[in-house]
Amino acid sequence: MYGATAGKVALNTLDSATVNQAVLALEPKEKFHNLFLFYLLEVEMLKALLLVQGGQPNLSATIIKAIKIKVPALLEQQKNRYGINQCR
């Protein structure tokens, strides 16, 4: 998770995926609406990148695991996702 692609967020719609040392796969412990989680992580990764210093940004798994996210109920996630989509 370094260089120009550091902090990029993607949504995998396949049953499985192959990752390497430059990719971190997240699997939520709680119930998330997929698109809500995607948009939330885009914002959180941008904030994390702002904290990283140096010529080549590097987001380690330790930095990403330290991010705390308050999770609203699924209904609230759906409402918020709808609002976000209207703004895009």
PDB file of N, CA and C in Angstrom:
ATOM      1  N   MET A   1       0.847  -1.167   0.000  1.00  0.00           N
ATOM      2  CA  MET A   1       0.000   0.000   0.000  1.00  0.00           C
ATOM      3  C   MET A   1       0.895   1.233   0.000  1.00  0.00           C
ATOM      4  N   TYR A   2       1.560   1.413  -1.109  1.00  0.00           N
ATOM      5  CA  TYR A   2       2.545   2.479  -1.172  1.00  0.00           C
ATOM      6  C   TYR A   2       2.547   3.111  -2.561  1.00  0.00           C
ATOM      7  N   GLY A   3       3.166   4.281  -2.635  1.00  0.00           N
ATOM      8  CA  GLY A   3       3.289   4.977  -3.906  1.00  0.00           C
ATOM      9  C   GLY A   3       1.981   5.591  -4.373  1.00  0.00           C
ATOM     10  N   ALA A   4       1.848   5.722  -5.685  1.00  0.00           N
ATOM     11  CA  ALA A   4       0.697   6.403  -6.280  1.00  0.00           C
ATOM     12  C   ALA A   4      -0.625   5.710  -5.977  1.00  0.00           C
ATOM     13  N   THR A   5      -0.596   4.417  -5.725  1.00  0.00           N
ATOM     14  CA  THR A   5      -1.846   3.698  -5.467  1.00  0.00           C
ATOM     15  C   THR A   5      -2.148   3.547  -3.979  1.00  0.00           C
ATOM     16  N   ALA A   6      -1.337   4.113  -3.116  1.00  0.00           N
ATOM     17  CA  ALA A   6      -1.584   4.029  -1.669  1.00  0.00           C
ATOM     18  C   ALA A   6      -2.933   4.652  -1.345  1.00  0.00           C
ATOM     19  N   GLY A   7      -3.733   3.947  -0.583  1.00  0.00           N
ATOM     20  CA  GLY A   7      -5.021   4.477  -0.158  1.00  0.00           C
ATOM     21  C   GLY A   7      -6.150   4.267  -1.142  1.00  0.00           C
ATOM     22  N   LYS A   8      -5.900   3.616  -2.263  1.00  0.00           N
ATOM     23  CA  LYS A   8      -6.965   3.347  -3.233  1.00  0.00           C
ATOM     24  C   LYS A   8      -7.910   2.314  -2.641  1.00  0.00           C
ATOM     25  N   VAL A   9      -9.194   2.560  -2.798  1.00  0.00           N
ATOM     26  CA  VAL A   9     -10.221   1.671  -2.254  1.00  0.00           C
ATOM     27  C   VAL A   9     -10.980   1.055  -3.421  1.00  0.00           C
ATOM     28  N   ALA A  10     -11.228  -0.244  -3.353  1.00  0.00           N
ATOM     29  CA  ALA A  10     -11.988  -0.931  -4.395  1.00  0.00           C
ATOM     30  C   ALA A  10     -12.970  -1.885  -3.735  1.00  0.00           C
ATOM     31  N   LEU A  11     -14.030  -2.171  -4.428  1.00  0.00           N
ATOM     32  CA  LEU A  11     -15.054  -3.092  -3.937  1.00  0.00           C
ATOM     33  C   LEU A  11     -14.977  -4.362  -4.767  1.00  0.00           C
ATOM     34  N   ASN A  12     -14.672  -5.474  -4.130  1.00  0.00           N
ATOM     35  CA  ASN A  12     -14.587  -6.760  -4.817  1.00  0.00           C
ATOM     36  C   ASN A  12     -15.962  -7.413  -4.817  1.00  0.00           C
ATOM     37  N   THR A  13     -16.495  -7.685  -5.995  1.00  0.00           N
ATOM     38  CA  THR A  13     -17.805  -8.336  -6.089  1.00  0.00           C
ATOM     39  C   THR A  13     -17.675  -9.822  -6.408  1.00  0.00           C
ATOM     40  N   LEU A  14     -16.450 -10.320  -6.452  1.00  0.00           N
ATOM     41  CA  LEU A  14     -16.217 -11.739  -6.703  1.00  0.00           C
ATOM     42  C   LEU A  14     -16.226 -12.501  -5.383  1.00  0.00           C
ATOM     43  N   ASP A  15     -16.319 -13.816  -5.466  1.00  0.00           N
ATOM     44  CA  ASP A  15     -16.317 -14.635  -4.256  1.00  0.00           C
ATOM     45  C   ASP A  15     -14.946 -14.682  -3.591  1.00  0.00           C
ATOM     46  N   SER A  16     -13.891 -14.483  -4.373  1.00  0.00           N
ATOM     47  CA  SER A  16     -12.544 -14.510  -3.814  1.00  0.00           C
ATOM     48  C   SER A  16     -11.660 -13.550  -4.608  1.00  0.00           C
ATOM     49  N   ALA A  17     -10.466 -13.319  -4.087  1.00  0.00           N
ATOM     50  CA  ALA A  17      -9.518 -12.436  -4.764  1.00  0.00           C
ATOM     51  C   ALA A  17      -8.106 -12.820  -4.357  1.00  0.00           C
ATOM     52  N   THR A  18      -7.164 -12.512  -5.201  1.00  0.00           N
ATOM     53  CA  THR A  18      -5.756 -12.730  -4.905  1.00  0.00           C
ATOM     54  C   THR A  18      -5.146 -11.398  -4.491  1.00  0.00           C
ATOM     55  N   VAL A  19      -4.425 -11.405  -3.387  1.00  0.00           N
ATOM     56  CA  VAL A  19      -3.774 -10.185  -2.913  1.00  0.00           C
ATOM     57  C   VAL A  19      -2.277 -10.452  -2.757  1.00  0.00           C
ATOM     58  N   ASN A  20      -1.510  -9.365  -2.653  1.00  0.00           N
ATOM     59  CA  ASN A  20      -0.079  -9.491  -2.403  1.00  0.00           C
ATOM     60  C   ASN A  20       0.318  -8.503  -1.320  1.00  0.00           C
ATOM     61  N   GLN A  21       1.622  -8.278  -1.149  1.00  0.00           N
ATOM     62  CA  GLN A  21       2.089  -7.419  -0.065  1.00  0.00           C
ATOM     63  C   GLN A  21       1.678  -5.963  -0.241  1.00  0.00           C
ATOM     64  N   ALA A  22       1.241  -5.575  -1.430  1.00  0.00           N
ATOM     65  CA  ALA A  22       0.841  -4.187  -1.681  1.00  0.00           C
ATOM     66  C   ALA A  22      -0.671  -3.998  -1.607  1.00  0.00           C
ATOM     67  N   VAL A  23      -1.396  -5.057  -1.242  1.00  0.00           N
ATOM     68  CA  VAL A  23      -2.863  -4.994  -1.183  1.00  0.00           C
ATOM     69  C   VAL A  23      -3.324  -5.495   0.178  1.00  0.00           C
ATOM     70  N   LEU A  24      -4.252  -4.783   0.765  1.00  0.00           N
ATOM     71  CA  LEU A  24      -4.831  -5.210   2.039  1.00  0.00           C
ATOM     72  C   LEU A  24      -6.313  -5.471   1.816  1.00  0.00           C
ATOM     73  N   ALA A  25      -6.757  -6.680   2.095  1.00  0.00           N
ATOM     74  CA  ALA A  25      -8.169  -7.030   1.963  1.00  0.00           C
ATOM     75  C   ALA A  25      -8.833  -6.883   3.327  1.00  0.00           C
ATOM     76  N   LEU A  26      -9.979  -6.242   3.348  1.00  0.00           N
ATOM     77  CA  LEU A  26     -10.730  -6.049   4.589  1.00  0.00           C
ATOM     78  C   LEU A  26     -12.019  -6.843   4.536  1.00  0.00           C
ATOM     79  N   GLU A  27     -12.338  -7.476   5.639  1.00  0.00           N
ATOM     80  CA  GLU A  27     -13.601  -8.189   5.757  1.00  0.00           C
ATOM     81  C   GLU A  27     -14.246  -7.728   7.059  1.00  0.00           C
ATOM     82  N   PRO A  28     -15.368  -7.017   6.976  1.00  0.00           N
ATOM     83  CA  PRO A  28     -15.967  -6.446   8.187  1.00  0.00           C
ATOM     84  C   PRO A  28     -16.474  -7.514   9.150  1.00  0.00           C
ATOM     85  N   LYS A  29     -16.337  -7.216  10.454  1.00  0.00           N
ATOM     86  CA  LYS A  29     -16.844  -8.105  11.496  1.00  0.00           C
ATOM     87  C   LYS A  29     -18.337  -7.894  11.707  1.00  0.00           C
ATOM     88  N   GLU A  30     -18.779  -6.668  11.445  1.00  0.00           N
ATOM     89  CA  GLU A  30     -20.182  -6.331  11.655  1.00  0.00           C
ATOM     90  C   GLU A  30     -20.874  -6.185  10.315  1.00  0.00           C
ATOM     91  N   LYS A  31     -22.203  -5.979  10.385  1.00  0.00           N
ATOM     92  CA  LYS A  31     -22.958  -5.828   9.147  1.00  0.00           C
ATOM     93  C   LYS A  31     -22.755  -4.445   8.558  1.00  0.00           C
ATOM     94  N   PHE A  32     -22.326  -4.430   7.320  1.00  0.00           N
ATOM     95  CA  PHE A  32     -22.125  -3.195   6.572  1.00  0.00           C
ATOM     96  C   PHE A  32     -22.855  -3.305   5.248  1.00  0.00           C
ATOM     97  N   HIS A  33     -23.378  -2.203   4.790  1.00  0.00           N
ATOM     98  CA  HIS A  33     -23.844  -2.125   3.415  1.00  0.00           C
ATOM     99  C   HIS A  33     -22.586  -1.892   2.583  1.00  0.00           C
ATOM    100  N   ASN A  34     -22.362  -2.702   1.553  1.00  0.00           N
ATOM    101  CA  ASN A  34     -21.102  -2.659   0.799  1.00  0.00           C
ATOM    102  C   ASN A  34     -20.726  -1.270   0.308  1.00  0.00           C
ATOM    103  N   LEU A  35     -21.672  -0.556  -0.311  1.00  0.00           N
ATOM    104  CA  LEU A  35     -21.340   0.762  -0.851  1.00  0.00           C
ATOM    105  C   LEU A  35     -21.100   1.782   0.250  1.00  0.00           C
ATOM    106  N   PHE A  36     -21.803   1.662   1.372  1.00  0.00           N
ATOM    107  CA  PHE A  36     -21.555   2.561   2.499  1.00  0.00           C
ATOM    108  C   PHE A  36     -20.124   2.375   2.988  1.00  0.00           C
ATOM    109  N   LEU A  37     -19.715   1.127   3.158  1.00  0.00           N
ATOM    110  CA  LEU A  37     -18.350   0.835   3.606  1.00  0.00           C
ATOM    111  C   LEU A  37     -17.325   1.355   2.594  1.00  0.00           C
ATOM    112  N   PHE A  38     -17.603   1.179   1.315  1.00  0.00           N
ATOM    113  CA  PHE A  38     -16.708   1.669   0.267  1.00  0.00           C
ATOM    114  C   PHE A  38     -16.498   3.175   0.385  1.00  0.00           C
ATOM    115  N   TYR A  39     -17.582   3.941   0.467  1.00  0.00           N
ATOM    116  CA  TYR A  39     -17.479   5.397   0.563  1.00  0.00           C
ATOM    117  C   TYR A  39     -16.798   5.823   1.865  1.00  0.00           C
ATOM    118  N   LEU A  40     -17.124   5.142   2.944  1.00  0.00           N
ATOM    119  CA  LEU A  40     -16.515   5.457   4.230  1.00  0.00           C
ATOM    120  C   LEU A  40     -15.002   5.232   4.185  1.00  0.00           C
ATOM    121  N   LEU A  41     -14.585   4.127   3.601  1.00  0.00           N
ATOM    122  CA  LEU A  41     -13.152   3.830   3.511  1.00  0.00           C
ATOM    123  C   LEU A  41     -12.422   4.802   2.593  1.00  0.00           C
ATOM    124  N   GLU A  42     -13.091   5.277   1.539  1.00  0.00           N
ATOM    125  CA  GLU A  42     -12.461   6.292   0.684  1.00  0.00           C
ATOM    126  C   GLU A  42     -12.077   7.517   1.511  1.00  0.00           C
ATOM    127  N   VAL A  43     -12.973   7.955   2.372  1.00  0.00           N
ATOM    128  CA  VAL A  43     -12.715   9.126   3.214  1.00  0.00           C
ATOM    129  C   VAL A  43     -11.621   8.816   4.232  1.00  0.00           C
ATOM    130  N   GLU A  44     -11.705   7.664   4.880  1.00  0.00           N
ATOM    131  CA  GLU A  44     -10.723   7.303   5.903  1.00  0.00           C
ATOM    132  C   GLU A  44      -9.324   7.139   5.306  1.00  0.00           C
ATOM    133  N   MET A  45      -9.218   6.578   4.114  1.00  0.00           N
ATOM    134  CA  MET A  45      -7.903   6.413   3.483  1.00  0.00           C
ATOM    135  C   MET A  45      -7.323   7.767   3.105  1.00  0.00           C
ATOM    136  N   LEU A  46      -8.162   8.690   2.661  1.00  0.00           N
ATOM    137  CA  LEU A  46      -7.686  10.040   2.347  1.00  0.00           C
ATOM    138  C   LEU A  46      -7.128  10.701   3.602  1.00  0.00           C
ATOM    139  N   LYS A  47      -7.838  10.558   4.726  1.00  0.00           N
ATOM    140  CA  LYS A  47      -7.345  11.131   5.985  1.00  0.00           C
ATOM    141  C   LYS A  47      -6.022  10.483   6.390  1.00  0.00           C
ATOM    142  N   ALA A  48      -5.913   9.163   6.238  1.00  0.00           N
ATOM    143  CA  ALA A  48      -4.679   8.462   6.597  1.00  0.00           C
ATOM    144  C   ALA A  48      -3.523   8.919   5.711  1.00  0.00           C
ATOM    145  N   LEU A  49      -3.774   9.124   4.425  1.00  0.00           N
ATOM    146  CA  LEU A  49      -2.718   9.582   3.518  1.00  0.00           C
ATOM    147  C   LEU A  49      -2.209  10.962   3.897  1.00  0.00           C
ATOM    148  N   LEU A  50      -3.093  11.797   4.427  1.00  0.00           N
ATOM    149  CA  LEU A  50      -2.680  13.134   4.843  1.00  0.00           C
ATOM    150  C   LEU A  50      -1.715  13.082   6.026  1.00  0.00           C
ATOM    151  N   LEU A  51      -1.776  12.010   6.806  1.00  0.00           N
ATOM    152  CA  LEU A  51      -0.898  11.855   7.970  1.00  0.00           C
ATOM    153  C   LEU A  51       0.453  11.241   7.613  1.00  0.00           C
ATOM    154  N   VAL A  52       0.509  10.542   6.485  1.00  0.00           N
ATOM    155  CA  VAL A  52       1.737   9.868   6.063  1.00  0.00           C
ATOM    156  C   VAL A  52       2.683  10.893   5.459  1.00  0.00           C
ATOM    157  N   GLN A  53       3.958  10.809   5.858  1.00  0.00           N
ATOM    158  CA  GLN A  53       4.943  11.769   5.360  1.00  0.00           C
ATOM    159  C   GLN A  53       5.955  11.069   4.468  1.00  0.00           C
ATOM    160  N   GLY A  54       6.595  11.854   3.628  1.00  0.00           N
ATOM    161  CA  GLY A  54       7.628  11.320   2.751  1.00  0.00           C
ATOM    162  C   GLY A  54       7.242  11.455   1.291  1.00  0.00           C
ATOM    163  N   GLY A  55       8.230  11.218   0.415  1.00  0.00           N
ATOM    164  CA  GLY A  55       8.011  11.352  -1.016  1.00  0.00           C
ATOM    165  C   GLY A  55       7.146  10.260  -1.594  1.00  0.00           C
ATOM    166  N   GLN A  56       7.175   9.082  -0.982  1.00  0.00           N
ATOM    167  CA  GLN A  56       6.369   7.963  -1.467  1.00  0.00           C
ATOM    168  C   GLN A  56       5.467   7.512  -0.321  1.00  0.00           C
ATOM    169  N   PRO A  57       4.181   7.857  -0.396  1.00  0.00           N
ATOM    170  CA  PRO A  57       3.272   7.479   0.698  1.00  0.00           C
ATOM    171  C   PRO A  57       3.284   5.973   0.938  1.00  0.00           C
ATOM    172  N   ASN A  58       3.225   5.581   2.186  1.00  0.00           N
ATOM    173  CA  ASN A  58       3.213   4.168   2.547  1.00  0.00           C
ATOM    174  C   ASN A  58       2.210   3.962   3.672  1.00  0.00           C
ATOM    175  N   LEU A  59       1.140   3.258   3.377  1.00  0.00           N
ATOM    176  CA  LEU A  59       0.142   2.924   4.395  1.00  0.00           C
ATOM    177  C   LEU A  59       0.364   1.478   4.811  1.00  0.00           C
ATOM    178  N   SER A  60       0.795   1.272   6.021  1.00  0.00           N
ATOM    179  CA  SER A  60       1.010  -0.088   6.500  1.00  0.00           C
ATOM    180  C   SER A  60      -0.293  -0.654   7.050  1.00  0.00           C
ATOM    181  N   ALA A  61      -0.323  -1.969   7.184  1.00  0.00           N
ATOM    182  CA  ALA A  61      -1.492  -2.620   7.776  1.00  0.00           C
ATOM    183  C   ALA A  61      -1.707  -2.113   9.199  1.00  0.00           C
ATOM    184  N   THR A  62      -0.626  -1.801   9.903  1.00  0.00           N
ATOM    185  CA  THR A  62      -0.732  -1.282  11.272  1.00  0.00           C
ATOM    186  C   THR A  62      -1.478   0.046  11.292  1.00  0.00           C
ATOM    187  N   ILE A  63      -1.142   0.944  10.361  1.00  0.00           N
ATOM    188  CA  ILE A  63      -1.827   2.241  10.286  1.00  0.00           C
ATOM    189  C   ILE A  63      -3.306   2.042   9.986  1.00  0.00           C
ATOM    190  N   ILE A  64      -3.605   1.186   9.027  1.00  0.00           N
ATOM    191  CA  ILE A  64      -4.996   0.973   8.624  1.00  0.00           C
ATOM    192  C   ILE A  64      -5.789   0.297   9.739  1.00  0.00           C
ATOM    193  N   LYS A  65      -5.190  -0.673  10.424  1.00  0.00           N
ATOM    194  CA  LYS A  65      -5.889  -1.361  11.519  1.00  0.00           C
ATOM    195  C   LYS A  65      -6.180  -0.432  12.689  1.00  0.00           C
ATOM    196  N   ALA A  66      -5.411   0.648  12.815  1.00  0.00           N
ATOM    197  CA  ALA A  66      -5.609   1.593  13.920  1.00  0.00           C
ATOM    198  C   ALA A  66      -6.794   2.528  13.683  1.00  0.00           C
ATOM    199  N   ILE A  67      -7.335   2.543  12.475  1.00  0.00           N
ATOM    200  CA  ILE A  67      -8.472   3.416  12.163  1.00  0.00           C
ATOM    201  C   ILE A  67      -9.722   2.875  12.851  1.00  0.00           C
ATOM    202  N   LYS A  68     -10.358   3.718  13.635  1.00  0.00           N
ATOM    203  CA  LYS A  68     -11.592   3.348  14.331  1.00  0.00           C
ATOM    204  C   LYS A  68     -12.776   3.941  13.574  1.00  0.00           C
ATOM    205  N   ILE A  69     -13.769   3.123  13.314  1.00  0.00           N
ATOM    206  CA  ILE A  69     -14.943   3.566  12.563  1.00  0.00           C
ATOM    207  C   ILE A  69     -16.191   3.290  13.387  1.00  0.00           C
ATOM    208  N   LYS A  70     -16.994   4.331  13.600  1.00  0.00           N
ATOM    209  CA  LYS A  70     -18.280   4.149  14.266  1.00  0.00           C
ATOM    210  C   LYS A  70     -19.278   3.677  13.220  1.00  0.00           C
ATOM    211  N   VAL A  71     -19.957   2.592  13.529  1.00  0.00           N
ATOM    212  CA  VAL A  71     -20.841   1.964  12.555  1.00  0.00           C
ATOM    213  C   VAL A  71     -22.302   2.265  12.874  1.00  0.00           C
ATOM    214  N   PRO A  72     -22.986   2.994  11.986  1.00  0.00           N
ATOM    215  CA  PRO A  72     -24.418   3.207  12.201  1.00  0.00           C
ATOM    216  C   PRO A  72     -25.197   1.938  11.846  1.00  0.00           C
ATOM    217  N   ALA A  73     -26.440   1.884  12.255  1.00  0.00           N
ATOM    218  CA  ALA A  73     -27.308   0.751  11.929  1.00  0.00           C
ATOM    219  C   ALA A  73     -27.448   0.642  10.411  1.00  0.00           C
ATOM    220  N   LEU A  74     -27.803  -0.553   9.928  1.00  0.00           N
ATOM    221  CA  LEU A  74     -27.914  -0.777   8.490  1.00  0.00           C
ATOM    222  C   LEU A  74     -28.877   0.194   7.815  1.00  0.00           C
ATOM    223  N   LEU A  75     -29.987   0.522   8.468  1.00  0.00           N
ATOM    224  CA  LEU A  75     -30.947   1.460   7.881  1.00  0.00           C
ATOM    225  C   LEU A  75     -30.306   2.834   7.689  1.00  0.00           C
ATOM    226  N   GLU A  76     -29.537   3.286   8.665  1.00  0.00           N
ATOM    227  CA  GLU A  76     -28.841   4.570   8.546  1.00  0.00           C
ATOM    228  C   GLU A  76     -27.784   4.516   7.443  1.00  0.00           C
ATOM    229  N   GLN A  77     -27.101   3.386   7.318  1.00  0.00           N
ATOM    230  CA  GLN A  77     -26.121   3.234   6.248  1.00  0.00           C
ATOM    231  C   GLN A  77     -26.804   3.382   4.893  1.00  0.00           C
ATOM    232  N   GLN A  78     -27.963   2.766   4.747  1.00  0.00           N
ATOM    233  CA  GLN A  78     -28.707   2.836   3.488  1.00  0.00           C
ATOM    234  C   GLN A  78     -29.105   4.275   3.186  1.00  0.00           C
ATOM    235  N   LYS A  79     -29.602   4.994   4.188  1.00  0.00           N
ATOM    236  CA  LYS A  79     -29.998   6.394   4.001  1.00  0.00           C
ATOM    237  C   LYS A  79     -28.792   7.241   3.611  1.00  0.00           C
ATOM    238  N   ASN A  80     -27.681   7.065   4.317  1.00  0.00           N
ATOM    239  CA  ASN A  80     -26.474   7.840   4.035  1.00  0.00           C
ATOM    240  C   ASN A  80     -25.915   7.520   2.656  1.00  0.00           C
ATOM    241  N   ARG A  81     -25.943   6.263   2.268  1.00  0.00           N
ATOM    242  CA  ARG A  81     -25.448   5.860   0.951  1.00  0.00           C
ATOM    243  C   ARG A  81     -26.279   6.520  -0.134  1.00  0.00           C
ATOM    244  N   TYR A  82     -27.605   6.568   0.074  1.00  0.00           N
ATOM    245  CA  TYR A  82     -28.483   7.205  -0.906  1.00  0.00           C
ATOM    246  C   TYR A  82     -28.126   8.681  -1.047  1.00  0.00           C
ATOM    247  N   GLY A  83     -27.895   9.343   0.065  1.00  0.00           N
ATOM    248  CA  GLY A  83     -27.528  10.756   0.036  1.00  0.00           C
ATOM    249  C   GLY A  83     -26.204  10.988  -0.660  1.00  0.00           C
ATOM    250  N   ILE A  84     -25.242  10.121  -0.408  1.00  0.00           N
ATOM    251  CA  ILE A  84     -23.931  10.244  -1.053  1.00  0.00           C
ATOM    252  C   ILE A  84     -24.069  10.061  -2.559  1.00  0.00           C
ATOM    253  N   ASN A  85     -24.847   9.058  -2.975  1.00  0.00           N
ATOM    254  CA  ASN A  85     -25.028   8.815  -4.407  1.00  0.00           C
ATOM    255  C   ASN A  85     -25.673  10.003  -5.101  1.00  0.00           C
ATOM    256  N   GLN A  86     -26.562  10.706  -4.409  1.00  0.00           N
ATOM    257  CA  GLN A  86     -27.227  11.860  -5.004  1.00  0.00           C
ATOM    258  C   GLN A  86     -26.226  12.991  -5.254  1.00  0.00           C
ATOM    259  N   CYS A  87     -25.169  13.067  -4.442  1.00  0.00           N
ATOM    260  CA  CYS A  87     -24.167  14.132  -4.566  1.00  0.00           C
ATOM    261  C   CYS A  87     -23.113  13.822  -5.617  1.00  0.00           C
ATOM    262  N   ARG A  88     -22.970  12.585  -6.007  1.00  0.00           N
ATOM    263  CA  ARG A  88     -21.904  12.197  -6.960  1.00  0.00           C
ATOM    264  C   ARG A  88     -22.299  12.473  -8.369  1.00  0.00           C
TER     265      ARG A  88
END
